[in-house]
Amino acid sequence: MSVWFEKHQATLEKAMDACAKRYAWTGYQESPSSKIHGSERPAAGKANFEAMLGKPYPLEQPATVGQTGAEVSPYTKEALGITYPKADVAELYQHIDQAKAQWRNTSTEERVGLCLEMLHRCSEQLFENAHSTMHTSGQSYIMAFAGSGANALDRGLEALAYAYKAMKDVPETADWERKFGADGAAKLDKRYRLMPRGVGVVICCATFPLWNGYPALCASLATGNPVVMKPHPAAILPVALMVSRCREILVEAGYDPNLVTMVADTREEPATMELLEHPDTAIIDFTGSPKFGSWIEQNCNGKLVYTETAGCNSVVVESTDDLAAMAKAIAHSLCQASAQMCTSVQNVHIPADGILVNGERVSYDDVSQAIVDAVEAHLENPKNAAFLCGTLVDDNIYTTIDRLSELGEQRGKILRQSGPYENPGFPNARTATPLIIDVSNEDSDMYREELFGPISFMIKGKNADDCLAAATRDAKERGAITSHVYSIDEDFLEKAQDAYNVAGASVACNLMGMPINFAAAYSDFHVTGLNPAGNACLADLAFVTSRFRIVQSKVMRR
């Protein structure tokens, strides 16, 4: 058995048990607190990040034809000055091809063991990754450490657990015997062999660079496929850190490091299409915009495609026994990561005649205002605002905010205008607080698409059933990754859960006192694949099983 597998076997078995029983567990430390790590590790992580600025990143790959990279920090609005190897894609694939055979013939335990070691070593650079993610993706420090660090690693371990299960469900050999008439019994020795599909290309997003990076890497690499990481031009560094560790481990273990490579690019000179169209690309993992994700699904024929995009994430409010707590929970989602998460709430559906709160009717206007007031409360303290909102990953989000603000003034009512907040320590940070617009179902052209960034709508429906019908129709037709219902009416809750599920969407009911954006690895199936918000789930068996196929040999025994 592989020494790497033995080293991490207990962790893998715990992950498999958590997947089977769906309880709360994490394989990695989620908090960057110095009370846990001491003061030296956080300081060293920040120093290591700062030491990378303004120079070529130390990643040695073949087929390098220069340097590329143009990342700008959303906190300082200054260029990081880091450059990365620019790859000749056609030549790089020739080197990848030379690595295939050895990896294909490696045992399941060896491949899985090496993937476990990769996740472990990436967990040792969480502080570097946190600062790198802050200054590329715009997340707050704590969010970058947890959401783009430990939580993303957990999703990688989750995918690896499913990959191991899927492969071990296939026996290596079988003794087969059957009688065929008077000729007697036929006895066959059968051997089953797992064969990889080919090169996997992982297209990462700007806001959470490794959210699909770790699971896609583990799912493809563990099942025998070389992996090419394609970071977003705005967020290369977190991916580069991961790729460096993977290549380092492969070399130590005696394997070709070109089993894991990175193709960096810029917006001006993109490389994505060349990767997608290469004949050796067999698997594509994509996280990003619905428009490009849909294009990949429709046009990359003959390739195995896994997408996670976004949609019209909604809340339906029917009744509650705690208006303040409900408003606080919804407002938290409107603010968190400046609504740049695939789980961020955008559309809040409220009946025109209001809702029941502890048996008393509260008007539509008062419910909407309670949510607006809760947003203000979250943002009142600049330190809390900085922790919760982070920064905007892209200047283009301002354009979207301005466009919707103008539309809201023309056709609806601005309940809350967006504006910057002061980020302590970063006076030039690119920030924006939530824009909240009051509309009705007749204004659906404004909100029936994902509007990336801190933009949300209070939507007046005729009644609770009308609100539910509108929200579930949007989930089915436009996509949804998260959906929420608040009600103390058990019959309405049952009806709402069924309506969302039939629309191909998951739904959470009456969440309070926790971040409602949170999706728990090993427990929450993230994305259903049943609506336009993506065709893949992080993670289930379907996320891994088609990344390998089964061939067999059978020999007559005499």
Protein backbone atom coordinates (compact mmCIF):
# COMPACT_ATOMS: atom_id res chain seq x y z
CA MET A 1 0.00 0.00 0.00
CA SER A 2 1.15 3.55 -0.72
CA VAL A 3 3.03 5.30 2.09
CA TRP A 4 1.07 8.46 1.27
CA PHE A 5 -2.21 6.59 1.52
CA GLU A 6 -1.25 5.09 4.87
CA LYS A 7 -0.25 8.52 6.17
CA HIS A 8 -3.67 10.04 5.46
CA GLN A 9 -5.92 6.95 5.55
CA ALA A 10 -7.66 8.00 8.77
CA THR A 11 -8.55 11.38 7.26
CA LEU A 12 -9.95 9.75 4.14
CA GLU A 13 -12.00 7.26 6.14
CA LYS A 14 -13.41 10.09 8.28
CA ALA A 15 -14.36 12.02 5.14
CA MET A 16 -16.07 8.96 3.67
CA ASP A 17 -17.99 8.43 6.90
CA ALA A 18 -19.06 12.08 6.97
CA CYS A 19 -20.25 11.82 3.36
CA ALA A 20 -22.23 8.70 4.18
CA LYS A 21 -23.87 10.12 7.31
CA ARG A 22 -23.92 13.84 6.35
CA TYR A 23 -22.85 15.26 9.74
CA ALA A 24 -20.84 18.40 10.47
CA TRP A 25 -17.09 17.86 10.17
CA THR A 26 -14.08 19.62 8.72
CA GLY A 27 -10.70 18.18 7.91
CA TYR A 28 -8.96 21.56 8.10
CA GLN A 29 -8.74 24.46 10.51
CA GLU A 30 -11.23 27.16 9.47
CA SER A 31 -10.09 29.99 11.75
CA PRO A 32 -6.89 32.03 11.28
CA SER A 33 -6.88 33.04 14.96
CA SER A 34 -3.45 33.36 16.56
CA LYS A 35 -4.95 31.68 19.62
CA ILE A 36 -4.99 28.51 17.54
CA HIS A 37 -1.93 28.93 15.33
CA GLY A 38 0.27 31.17 17.47
CA SER A 39 1.69 34.42 16.11
CA GLU A 40 4.51 33.07 13.96
CA ARG A 41 2.49 31.24 11.27
CA PRO A 42 0.17 34.16 10.45
CA ALA A 43 3.12 36.55 10.31
CA ALA A 44 5.13 34.17 8.14
CA GLY A 45 2.19 33.73 5.76
CA LYS A 46 1.84 37.47 5.27
CA ALA A 47 5.60 37.86 4.82
CA ASN A 48 5.66 35.06 2.25
CA PHE A 49 2.87 36.75 0.31
CA GLU A 50 4.63 40.11 0.36
CA ALA A 51 7.88 38.50 -0.77
CA MET A 52 6.16 37.30 -3.95
CA LEU A 53 5.08 40.78 -5.03
CA GLY A 54 6.79 42.53 -7.91
CA LYS A 55 8.67 39.56 -9.33
CA PRO A 56 8.22 36.41 -11.43
CA TYR A 57 6.46 33.63 -9.60
CA PRO A 58 8.82 30.64 -9.10
CA LEU A 59 6.93 28.06 -11.15
CA GLU A 60 9.03 26.07 -13.58
CA GLN A 61 7.06 24.47 -16.40
CA PRO A 62 8.01 23.27 -19.86
CA ALA A 63 6.72 25.04 -22.97
CA THR A 64 7.23 28.45 -21.38
CA VAL A 65 7.42 31.22 -23.98
CA GLY A 66 7.56 34.28 -21.77
CA GLN A 67 5.78 35.77 -18.80
CA THR A 68 2.19 36.88 -18.27
CA GLY A 69 -0.07 38.24 -15.55
CA ALA A 70 -1.73 41.55 -14.67
CA GLU A 71 -3.38 41.13 -11.26
CA VAL A 72 -4.49 44.25 -9.39
CA SER A 73 -5.38 44.30 -5.70
CA PRO A 74 -9.00 45.36 -5.02
CA TYR A 75 -7.75 46.67 -1.68
CA THR A 76 -4.96 48.96 -2.89
CA LYS A 77 -5.87 49.26 -6.60
CA GLU A 78 -2.17 48.68 -7.27
CA ALA A 79 -0.72 45.99 -9.50
CA LEU A 80 0.72 43.00 -7.68
CA GLY A 81 3.56 42.98 -10.19
CA ILE A 82 3.72 39.17 -10.21
CA THR A 83 4.26 37.41 -13.52
CA TYR A 84 3.76 33.75 -14.35
CA PRO A 85 5.01 31.37 -17.04
CA LYS A 86 3.20 31.94 -20.31
CA ALA A 87 2.56 28.58 -21.90
CA ASP A 88 2.64 27.43 -25.49
CA VAL A 89 -0.46 25.28 -25.08
CA ALA A 90 0.23 22.91 -27.96
CA GLU A 91 3.75 22.18 -26.73
CA LEU A 92 2.61 21.90 -23.10
CA TYR A 93 0.15 19.18 -24.07
CA GLN A 94 3.01 17.20 -25.62
CA HIS A 95 4.75 17.16 -22.23
CA ILE A 96 1.51 16.25 -20.49
CA ASP A 97 1.10 13.35 -22.92
CA GLN A 98 4.46 11.93 -21.83
CA ALA A 99 3.24 11.80 -18.22
CA LYS A 100 0.01 9.91 -18.90
CA ALA A 101 1.15 6.30 -19.05
CA GLN A 102 2.96 6.19 -15.71
CA TRP A 103 0.03 7.81 -13.92
CA ARG A 104 -2.54 5.62 -15.67
CA ASN A 105 -0.73 2.51 -14.46
CA THR A 106 -0.39 3.74 -10.86
CA SER A 107 -2.55 2.08 -8.22
CA THR A 108 -5.70 3.70 -6.88
CA GLU A 109 -4.20 3.94 -3.39
CA GLU A 110 -1.06 5.63 -4.67
CA ARG A 111 -2.96 8.24 -6.66
CA VAL A 112 -5.43 8.94 -3.86
CA GLY A 113 -2.63 9.04 -1.31
CA LEU A 114 -0.74 11.64 -3.31
CA CYS A 115 -3.89 13.74 -3.65
CA LEU A 116 -4.37 13.57 0.12
CA GLU A 117 -0.80 14.78 0.59
CA MET A 118 -1.45 17.64 -1.86
CA LEU A 119 -4.45 18.80 0.16
CA HIS A 120 -2.44 18.51 3.36
CA ARG A 121 0.42 20.64 2.07
CA CYS A 122 -1.98 23.21 0.66
CA SER A 123 -3.50 23.42 4.13
CA GLU A 124 -0.05 24.36 5.43
CA GLN A 125 -0.05 27.49 3.25
CA LEU A 126 -3.50 28.76 4.20
CA PHE A 127 -2.12 32.07 5.46
CA GLU A 128 -0.29 32.76 2.20
CA ASN A 129 -3.42 31.74 0.34
CA ALA A 130 -5.58 34.04 2.47
CA HIS A 131 -3.52 37.13 1.64
CA SER A 132 -3.26 36.05 -1.98
CA THR A 133 -7.03 35.63 -2.22
CA MET A 134 -7.65 38.95 -0.47
CA HIS A 135 -5.53 40.85 -2.94
CA THR A 136 -6.85 39.13 -6.05
CA SER A 137 -10.45 38.11 -5.34
CA GLY A 138 -11.26 40.88 -2.89
CA GLN A 139 -12.48 38.73 -0.02
CA SER A 140 -11.96 39.74 3.58
CA TYR A 141 -9.06 38.07 5.36
CA ILE A 142 -11.22 35.71 7.41
CA MET A 143 -13.42 34.79 4.44
CA ALA A 144 -10.32 34.16 2.31
CA PHE A 145 -8.83 31.90 4.99
CA ALA A 146 -12.02 29.90 5.51
CA GLY A 147 -14.17 30.03 2.37
CA SER A 148 -11.35 29.97 -0.17
CA GLY A 149 -9.06 27.97 2.06
CA ALA A 150 -10.31 25.40 4.56
CA ASN A 151 -13.84 25.09 3.12
CA ALA A 152 -12.49 24.69 -0.42
CA LEU A 153 -10.04 22.05 0.83
CA ASP A 154 -12.96 20.23 2.42
CA ARG A 155 -14.73 20.20 -0.94
CA GLY A 156 -11.57 18.73 -2.44
CA LEU A 157 -11.41 16.03 0.21
CA GLU A 158 -15.11 15.34 -0.28
CA ALA A 159 -14.60 14.81 -4.03
CA LEU A 160 -11.58 12.62 -3.30
CA ALA A 161 -13.64 10.46 -0.93
CA TYR A 162 -16.24 9.93 -3.64
CA ALA A 163 -13.55 9.18 -6.22
CA TYR A 164 -12.01 6.53 -3.98
CA LYS A 165 -15.41 4.96 -3.30
CA ALA A 166 -16.30 4.91 -6.99
CA MET A 167 -13.03 3.23 -7.95
CA LYS A 168 -13.07 0.70 -5.12
CA ASP A 169 -16.62 -0.30 -6.05
CA VAL A 170 -15.12 -1.91 -9.15
CA PRO A 171 -13.43 -5.26 -8.40
CA GLU A 172 -10.04 -5.91 -9.93
CA THR A 173 -10.75 -9.54 -10.83
CA ALA A 174 -13.54 -12.10 -10.92
CA ASP A 175 -13.84 -15.87 -11.36
CA TRP A 176 -16.73 -16.62 -13.70
CA GLU A 177 -18.24 -19.99 -14.52
CA ARG A 178 -21.36 -20.98 -16.47
CA LYS A 179 -22.60 -24.08 -18.23
CA PHE A 180 -23.40 -23.92 -21.95
CA GLY A 181 -25.25 -27.09 -22.90
CA ALA A 182 -23.42 -30.35 -23.43
CA ASP A 183 -20.07 -28.68 -23.84
CA GLY A 184 -19.72 -28.40 -20.07
CA ALA A 185 -18.81 -25.39 -17.96
CA ALA A 186 -16.97 -22.38 -19.31
CA LYS A 187 -14.56 -20.94 -16.79
CA LEU A 188 -13.22 -17.44 -17.26
CA ASP A 189 -10.72 -15.32 -15.40
CA LYS A 190 -11.92 -11.72 -15.71
CA ARG A 191 -9.86 -8.63 -15.04
CA TYR A 192 -11.30 -5.12 -14.78
CA ARG A 193 -9.17 -2.08 -15.39
CA LEU A 194 -10.01 1.59 -14.76
CA MET A 195 -9.00 3.84 -17.63
CA PRO A 196 -8.84 7.64 -17.42
CA ARG A 197 -10.66 9.83 -19.92
CA GLY A 198 -7.83 12.24 -20.76
CA VAL A 199 -6.66 15.72 -19.82
CA GLY A 200 -8.87 17.64 -17.41
CA VAL A 201 -9.03 21.43 -17.74
CA VAL A 202 -10.20 23.34 -14.65
CA ILE A 203 -11.45 26.89 -15.32
CA CYS A 204 -11.46 28.76 -12.01
CA CYS A 205 -13.51 31.84 -11.16
CA ALA A 206 -12.28 35.22 -9.91
CA THR A 207 -14.12 35.44 -6.59
CA PHE A 208 -13.44 31.95 -5.17
CA PRO A 209 -10.45 30.69 -7.19
CA LEU A 210 -10.11 27.31 -5.49
CA TRP A 211 -13.75 26.56 -4.67
CA ASN A 212 -13.96 24.29 -7.70
CA GLY A 213 -10.18 24.06 -8.04
CA TYR A 214 -9.54 21.55 -5.28
CA PRO A 215 -12.50 19.23 -6.01
CA ALA A 216 -11.95 19.24 -9.77
CA LEU A 217 -8.22 18.59 -9.33
CA CYS A 218 -8.80 15.70 -6.91
CA ALA A 219 -11.66 14.15 -8.89
CA SER A 220 -9.67 14.07 -12.14
CA LEU A 221 -6.16 13.40 -10.83
CA ALA A 222 -7.21 10.59 -8.48
CA THR A 223 -9.01 8.83 -11.34
CA GLY A 224 -5.89 8.94 -13.52
CA ASN A 225 -6.29 12.13 -15.55
CA PRO A 226 -3.65 14.86 -15.88
CA VAL A 227 -4.97 18.28 -14.90
CA VAL A 228 -4.42 21.75 -16.37
CA MET A 229 -5.44 24.57 -14.04
CA LYS A 230 -6.71 27.69 -15.80
CA PRO A 231 -7.01 30.53 -13.26
CA HIS A 232 -9.06 33.65 -13.89
CA PRO A 233 -6.76 36.48 -15.06
CA ALA A 234 -7.70 38.51 -11.98
CA ALA A 235 -6.87 35.72 -9.50
CA ILE A 236 -3.87 33.68 -10.61
CA LEU A 237 -1.78 33.65 -7.42
CA PRO A 238 -3.99 31.35 -5.27
CA VAL A 239 -4.03 28.79 -8.08
CA ALA A 240 -0.28 29.10 -8.62
CA LEU A 241 0.33 28.35 -4.94
CA MET A 242 -1.72 25.16 -5.24
CA VAL A 243 -0.07 24.05 -8.49
CA SER A 244 3.40 24.59 -7.00
CA ARG A 245 2.66 22.27 -4.09
CA CYS A 246 1.17 19.61 -6.36
CA ARG A 247 4.17 19.59 -8.68
CA GLU A 248 6.54 19.54 -5.72
CA ILE A 249 4.88 16.43 -4.30
CA LEU A 250 4.80 14.64 -7.66
CA VAL A 251 8.54 15.13 -8.07
CA GLU A 252 9.23 13.87 -4.53
CA ALA A 253 7.17 10.76 -5.25
CA GLY A 254 8.96 10.05 -8.53
CA TYR A 255 6.25 11.14 -10.95
CA ASP A 256 6.25 13.56 -13.83
CA PRO A 257 5.24 16.99 -12.43
CA ASN A 258 3.44 17.78 -15.69
CA LEU A 259 0.52 15.77 -14.41
CA VAL A 260 -0.49 19.13 -12.87
CA THR A 261 0.20 22.30 -14.84
CA MET A 262 -1.11 25.86 -14.99
CA VAL A 263 -1.93 28.05 -17.96
CA ALA A 264 -2.08 31.69 -16.88
CA ASP A 265 -3.27 34.48 -19.13
CA THR A 266 -4.61 38.03 -19.24
CA ARG A 267 -7.91 39.47 -20.40
CA GLU A 268 -6.13 40.94 -23.41
CA GLU A 269 -4.52 37.63 -24.42
CA PRO A 270 -6.87 34.84 -23.25
CA ALA A 271 -5.93 31.16 -23.45
CA THR A 272 -9.20 29.51 -22.41
CA MET A 273 -10.56 28.68 -25.85
CA GLU A 274 -7.32 27.03 -26.95
CA LEU A 275 -7.53 24.75 -23.91
CA LEU A 276 -11.19 23.94 -24.45
CA GLU A 277 -10.70 23.17 -28.13
CA HIS A 278 -7.55 21.06 -27.79
CA PRO A 279 -8.31 17.50 -28.95
CA ASP A 280 -6.63 16.00 -25.86
CA THR A 281 -8.90 17.91 -23.49
CA ALA A 282 -11.42 15.31 -22.34
CA ILE A 283 -12.82 16.85 -19.14
CA ILE A 284 -13.82 20.46 -18.46
CA ASP A 285 -14.64 21.81 -14.99
CA PHE A 286 -16.01 25.34 -15.08
CA THR A 287 -17.07 27.81 -12.40
CA GLY A 288 -18.07 31.28 -13.50
CA SER A 289 -20.70 33.22 -15.39
CA PRO A 290 -23.94 31.54 -16.52
CA LYS A 291 -23.43 32.83 -20.05
CA PHE A 292 -20.03 31.20 -20.62
CA GLY A 293 -21.00 28.11 -18.66
CA SER A 294 -24.00 27.62 -20.92
CA TRP A 295 -21.81 28.10 -23.98
CA ILE A 296 -19.43 25.39 -22.77
CA GLU A 297 -22.28 22.97 -22.10
CA GLN A 298 -23.69 23.51 -25.59
CA ASN A 299 -20.53 23.69 -27.67
CA CYS A 300 -17.87 21.44 -26.16
CA ASN A 301 -19.29 18.32 -27.77
CA GLY A 302 -17.54 15.06 -27.07
CA LYS A 303 -16.01 16.34 -23.83
CA LEU A 304 -17.14 15.64 -20.29
CA VAL A 305 -18.37 18.98 -18.89
CA TYR A 306 -19.04 19.92 -15.28
CA THR A 307 -20.40 23.43 -14.63
CA GLU A 308 -21.28 25.52 -11.60
CA THR A 309 -22.52 29.00 -12.46
CA ALA A 310 -25.19 31.08 -10.70
CA GLY A 311 -28.83 32.04 -10.79
CA CYS A 312 -31.65 34.01 -9.21
CA ASN A 313 -31.21 32.93 -5.60
CA SER A 314 -34.39 33.79 -3.74
CA VAL A 315 -36.14 34.15 -0.40
CA VAL A 316 -39.89 33.69 0.04
CA VAL A 317 -41.25 35.27 3.22
CA GLU A 318 -44.66 33.95 4.33
CA SER A 319 -44.54 34.39 8.14
CA THR A 320 -42.08 34.30 11.03
CA ASP A 321 -41.99 34.29 14.80
CA ASP A 322 -38.89 36.52 14.90
CA LEU A 323 -38.85 39.35 12.37
CA ALA A 324 -35.59 40.85 13.65
CA ALA A 325 -33.67 37.57 13.45
CA MET A 326 -35.07 36.78 10.01
CA ALA A 327 -34.21 40.25 8.70
CA LYS A 328 -30.69 39.97 10.13
CA ALA A 329 -30.14 36.61 8.42
CA ILE A 330 -31.33 37.86 5.02
CA ALA A 331 -29.36 41.10 5.35
CA HIS A 332 -26.21 39.14 6.14
CA SER A 333 -26.50 37.37 2.78
CA LEU A 334 -27.04 40.68 0.96
CA CYS A 335 -23.79 41.99 2.47
CA GLN A 336 -21.53 38.93 2.66
CA ALA A 337 -18.64 39.11 0.19
CA SER A 338 -20.51 42.02 -1.42
CA ALA A 339 -22.97 39.46 -2.83
CA GLN A 340 -20.27 38.00 -5.06
CA MET A 341 -20.94 34.45 -3.90
CA CYS A 342 -22.85 31.86 -5.90
CA THR A 343 -25.02 31.41 -2.80
CA SER A 344 -25.83 35.12 -2.31
CA VAL A 345 -29.50 36.06 -2.08
CA GLN A 346 -30.74 38.43 -4.78
CA ASN A 347 -34.55 38.29 -4.83
CA VAL A 348 -36.71 38.59 -1.71
CA HIS A 349 -40.40 37.84 -2.36
CA ILE A 350 -42.89 39.34 0.14
CA PRO A 351 -46.72 39.28 -0.08
CA ALA A 352 -48.38 42.64 -0.82
CA ASP A 353 -50.54 42.42 2.29
CA GLY A 354 -47.55 41.67 4.51
CA ILE A 355 -46.86 38.69 6.75
CA LEU A 356 -47.89 37.34 10.13
CA VAL A 357 -45.36 37.86 12.92
CA ASN A 358 -46.40 36.15 16.15
CA GLY A 359 -50.00 36.32 15.03
CA GLU A 360 -49.95 40.02 14.13
CA ARG A 361 -49.90 41.31 10.56
CA VAL A 362 -46.84 43.33 9.58
CA SER A 363 -47.04 45.28 6.34
CA TYR A 364 -44.96 44.70 3.23
CA ASP A 365 -43.28 48.08 3.75
CA ASP A 366 -42.36 47.27 7.33
CA VAL A 367 -40.92 43.87 6.43
CA SER A 368 -38.83 45.43 3.65
CA GLN A 369 -37.68 48.19 5.96
CA ALA A 370 -36.70 45.67 8.63
CA ILE A 371 -34.33 44.05 6.14
CA VAL A 372 -32.91 47.44 5.10
CA ASP A 373 -32.41 48.38 8.75
CA ALA A 374 -30.63 45.06 9.36
CA VAL A 375 -28.26 45.84 6.48
CA GLU A 376 -27.49 49.19 8.09
CA ALA A 377 -26.83 47.47 11.40
CA HIS A 378 -24.36 45.07 9.78
CA LEU A 379 -22.50 47.99 8.18
CA GLU A 380 -22.60 50.40 11.11
CA ASN A 381 -19.19 49.32 12.41
CA PRO A 382 -16.50 49.79 9.71
CA LYS A 383 -14.51 46.82 11.02
CA ASN A 384 -17.53 44.54 10.76
CA ALA A 385 -18.37 45.94 7.32
CA ALA A 386 -14.87 45.15 6.13
CA PHE A 387 -15.03 41.62 7.53
CA LEU A 388 -18.44 40.96 6.03
CA CYS A 389 -18.31 42.72 2.67
CA GLY A 390 -14.70 42.56 1.56
CA THR A 391 -14.19 44.40 -1.72
CA LEU A 392 -15.42 44.28 -5.30
CA VAL A 393 -13.41 42.01 -7.55
CA ASP A 394 -14.05 44.13 -10.65
CA ASP A 395 -14.71 47.78 -11.54
CA ASN A 396 -17.45 46.62 -13.91
CA ILE A 397 -19.68 45.91 -10.92
CA TYR A 398 -20.00 49.68 -10.44
CA THR A 399 -21.47 49.89 -13.94
CA THR A 400 -24.09 47.28 -13.07
CA ILE A 401 -24.95 49.06 -9.84
CA ASP A 402 -25.33 52.39 -11.64
CA ARG A 403 -27.53 50.86 -14.34
CA LEU A 404 -29.87 49.18 -11.86
CA SER A 405 -29.95 52.23 -9.64
CA GLU A 406 -31.13 54.33 -12.57
CA LEU A 407 -33.74 51.73 -13.52
CA GLY A 408 -34.91 51.55 -9.93
CA GLU A 409 -35.39 55.29 -9.78
CA GLN A 410 -37.33 55.26 -13.05
CA ARG A 411 -39.57 52.25 -12.48
CA GLY A 412 -39.56 51.39 -8.82
CA LYS A 413 -38.38 52.72 -5.55
CA ILE A 414 -34.89 52.73 -4.15
CA LEU A 415 -35.12 51.37 -0.63
CA ARG A 416 -31.40 51.66 -0.11
CA GLN A 417 -28.83 53.31 -2.31
CA SER A 418 -25.43 51.70 -2.75
CA GLY A 419 -22.33 53.56 -1.72
CA PRO A 420 -18.76 52.94 -0.59
CA TYR A 421 -17.79 52.09 2.95
CA GLU A 422 -14.50 52.92 4.64
CA ASN A 423 -12.26 49.87 4.89
CA PRO A 424 -9.90 50.28 7.87
CA GLY A 425 -6.32 50.01 6.69
CA PHE A 426 -7.15 50.22 2.98
CA PRO A 427 -8.37 53.75 2.12
CA ASN A 428 -8.33 53.01 -1.64
CA ALA A 429 -10.29 49.76 -1.44
CA ARG A 430 -12.91 49.13 -4.13
CA THR A 431 -16.09 48.87 -2.04
CA ALA A 432 -19.86 49.09 -2.42
CA THR A 433 -22.71 48.45 -0.02
CA PRO A 434 -26.00 46.81 -1.04
CA LEU A 435 -28.36 48.50 -3.49
CA ILE A 436 -31.93 47.46 -2.57
CA ILE A 437 -34.80 48.10 -4.99
CA ASP A 438 -38.53 47.82 -4.38
CA VAL A 439 -40.32 46.16 -7.32
CA SER A 440 -43.28 43.93 -8.18
CA ASN A 441 -43.66 40.77 -10.26
CA GLU A 442 -44.40 42.99 -13.26
CA ASP A 443 -40.79 44.25 -13.11
CA SER A 444 -39.37 40.77 -13.61
CA ASP A 445 -37.15 41.89 -16.49
CA MET A 446 -35.03 43.69 -13.87
CA TYR A 447 -34.35 40.75 -11.58
CA ARG A 448 -34.76 37.52 -13.61
CA GLU A 449 -31.03 37.18 -14.22
CA GLU A 450 -27.99 37.04 -12.00
CA LEU A 451 -26.77 40.55 -11.23
CA PHE A 452 -23.27 40.00 -9.94
CA GLY A 453 -22.51 42.19 -6.94
CA PRO A 454 -24.43 43.87 -4.09
CA ILE A 455 -27.78 44.33 -5.85
CA SER A 456 -31.04 42.95 -4.48
CA PHE A 457 -34.78 43.33 -4.81
CA MET A 458 -37.75 43.37 -2.49
CA ILE A 459 -40.44 41.89 -4.76
CA LYS A 460 -44.11 42.47 -3.99
CA GLY A 461 -46.29 39.46 -4.84
CA LYS A 462 -50.07 39.25 -4.74
CA ASN A 463 -49.93 36.75 -1.88
CA ALA A 464 -47.61 34.07 -0.49
CA ASP A 465 -48.59 31.53 -3.13
CA ASP A 466 -47.89 34.06 -5.86
CA CYS A 467 -44.48 34.78 -4.31
CA LEU A 468 -43.66 31.07 -4.22
CA ALA A 469 -44.79 30.54 -7.80
CA ALA A 470 -42.63 33.42 -9.06
CA ALA A 471 -39.54 32.34 -7.13
CA THR A 472 -39.75 28.70 -8.18
CA ARG A 473 -40.43 29.64 -11.80
CA ASP A 474 -37.25 31.73 -11.79
CA ALA A 475 -35.31 28.84 -10.23
CA LYS A 476 -36.48 26.45 -12.93
CA GLU A 477 -36.02 28.81 -15.88
CA ARG A 478 -33.06 30.96 -14.79
CA GLY A 479 -31.35 28.80 -12.19
CA ALA A 480 -30.80 28.86 -8.44
CA ILE A 481 -28.10 27.45 -6.20
CA THR A 482 -29.65 28.48 -2.88
CA SER A 483 -33.28 29.20 -2.01
CA HIS A 484 -34.87 30.15 1.30
CA VAL A 485 -38.35 30.13 2.81
CA TYR A 486 -39.46 31.70 6.07
CA SER A 487 -42.77 30.44 7.43
CA ILE A 488 -44.29 29.12 10.65
CA ASP A 489 -47.07 27.44 8.67
CA GLU A 490 -46.16 23.76 8.36
CA ASP A 491 -48.46 23.26 5.38
CA PHE A 492 -46.87 26.17 3.51
CA LEU A 493 -43.38 24.89 4.33
CA GLU A 494 -44.21 21.48 2.89
CA LYS A 495 -45.70 23.06 -0.22
CA ALA A 496 -42.67 25.35 -0.64
CA GLN A 497 -40.15 22.55 -0.28
CA ASP A 498 -41.99 20.48 -2.86
CA ALA A 499 -42.30 23.43 -5.28
CA TYR A 500 -38.59 24.25 -5.12
CA ASN A 501 -37.57 20.60 -5.42
CA VAL A 502 -39.82 20.07 -8.45
CA ALA A 503 -38.16 23.18 -9.94
CA GLY A 504 -34.80 21.42 -9.51
CA ALA A 505 -33.67 23.60 -6.62
CA SER A 506 -32.63 22.92 -3.04
CA VAL A 507 -34.26 25.02 -0.33
CA ALA A 508 -33.52 25.99 3.28
CA CYS A 509 -36.29 26.87 5.73
CA ASN A 510 -36.22 29.36 8.61
CA LEU A 511 -32.44 29.71 8.85
CA MET A 512 -31.47 32.20 11.55
CA GLY A 513 -28.43 32.71 13.72
CA MET A 514 -26.05 31.40 11.04
CA PRO A 515 -24.69 32.60 7.67
CA ILE A 516 -27.42 31.44 5.30
CA ASN A 517 -24.95 31.45 2.39
CA PHE A 518 -22.98 28.63 4.00
CA ALA A 519 -22.86 25.30 2.17
CA ALA A 520 -21.35 22.50 4.26
CA ALA A 521 -18.99 20.03 2.64
CA TYR A 522 -19.82 16.37 3.31
CA SER A 523 -23.44 17.36 4.06
CA ASP A 524 -24.86 19.86 1.56
CA PHE A 525 -25.07 18.78 -2.07
CA HIS A 526 -23.94 22.04 -3.68
CA VAL A 527 -25.79 22.60 -7.01
CA THR A 528 -28.38 20.09 -8.13
CA GLY A 529 -27.71 19.87 -11.87
CA LEU A 530 -31.48 20.17 -12.41
CA ASN A 531 -31.70 23.88 -13.24
CA PRO A 532 -29.63 26.34 -15.31
CA ALA A 533 -27.28 27.21 -12.42
CA GLY A 534 -24.99 24.31 -13.34
CA ASN A 535 -25.01 20.67 -14.36
CA ALA A 536 -22.70 19.30 -11.66
CA CYS A 537 -22.84 18.83 -7.91
CA LEU A 538 -20.08 19.40 -5.39
CA ALA A 539 -19.91 16.63 -4.61
CA ASP A 540 -21.64 13.37 -5.35
CA LEU A 541 -20.71 10.14 -7.10
CA ALA A 542 -21.78 11.57 -10.44
CA PHE A 543 -19.04 14.21 -10.05
CA VAL A 544 -16.38 11.51 -10.32
CA THR A 545 -17.68 8.30 -11.88
CA SER A 546 -17.50 9.36 -15.54
CA ARG A 547 -13.93 10.62 -15.18
CA PHE A 548 -12.83 7.01 -15.64
CA ARG A 549 -14.25 4.15 -17.66
CA ILE A 550 -13.91 0.40 -17.22
CA VAL A 551 -12.27 -1.97 -19.67
CA GLN A 552 -11.96 -5.68 -19.14
CA SER A 553 -10.06 -8.75 -20.18
CA LYS A 554 -11.35 -12.32 -19.96
CA VAL A 555 -9.30 -15.45 -20.39
CA MET A 556 -10.58 -19.03 -20.64
CA ARG A 557 -9.36 -21.28 -17.83
CA ARG A 558 -8.68 -24.88 -18.70
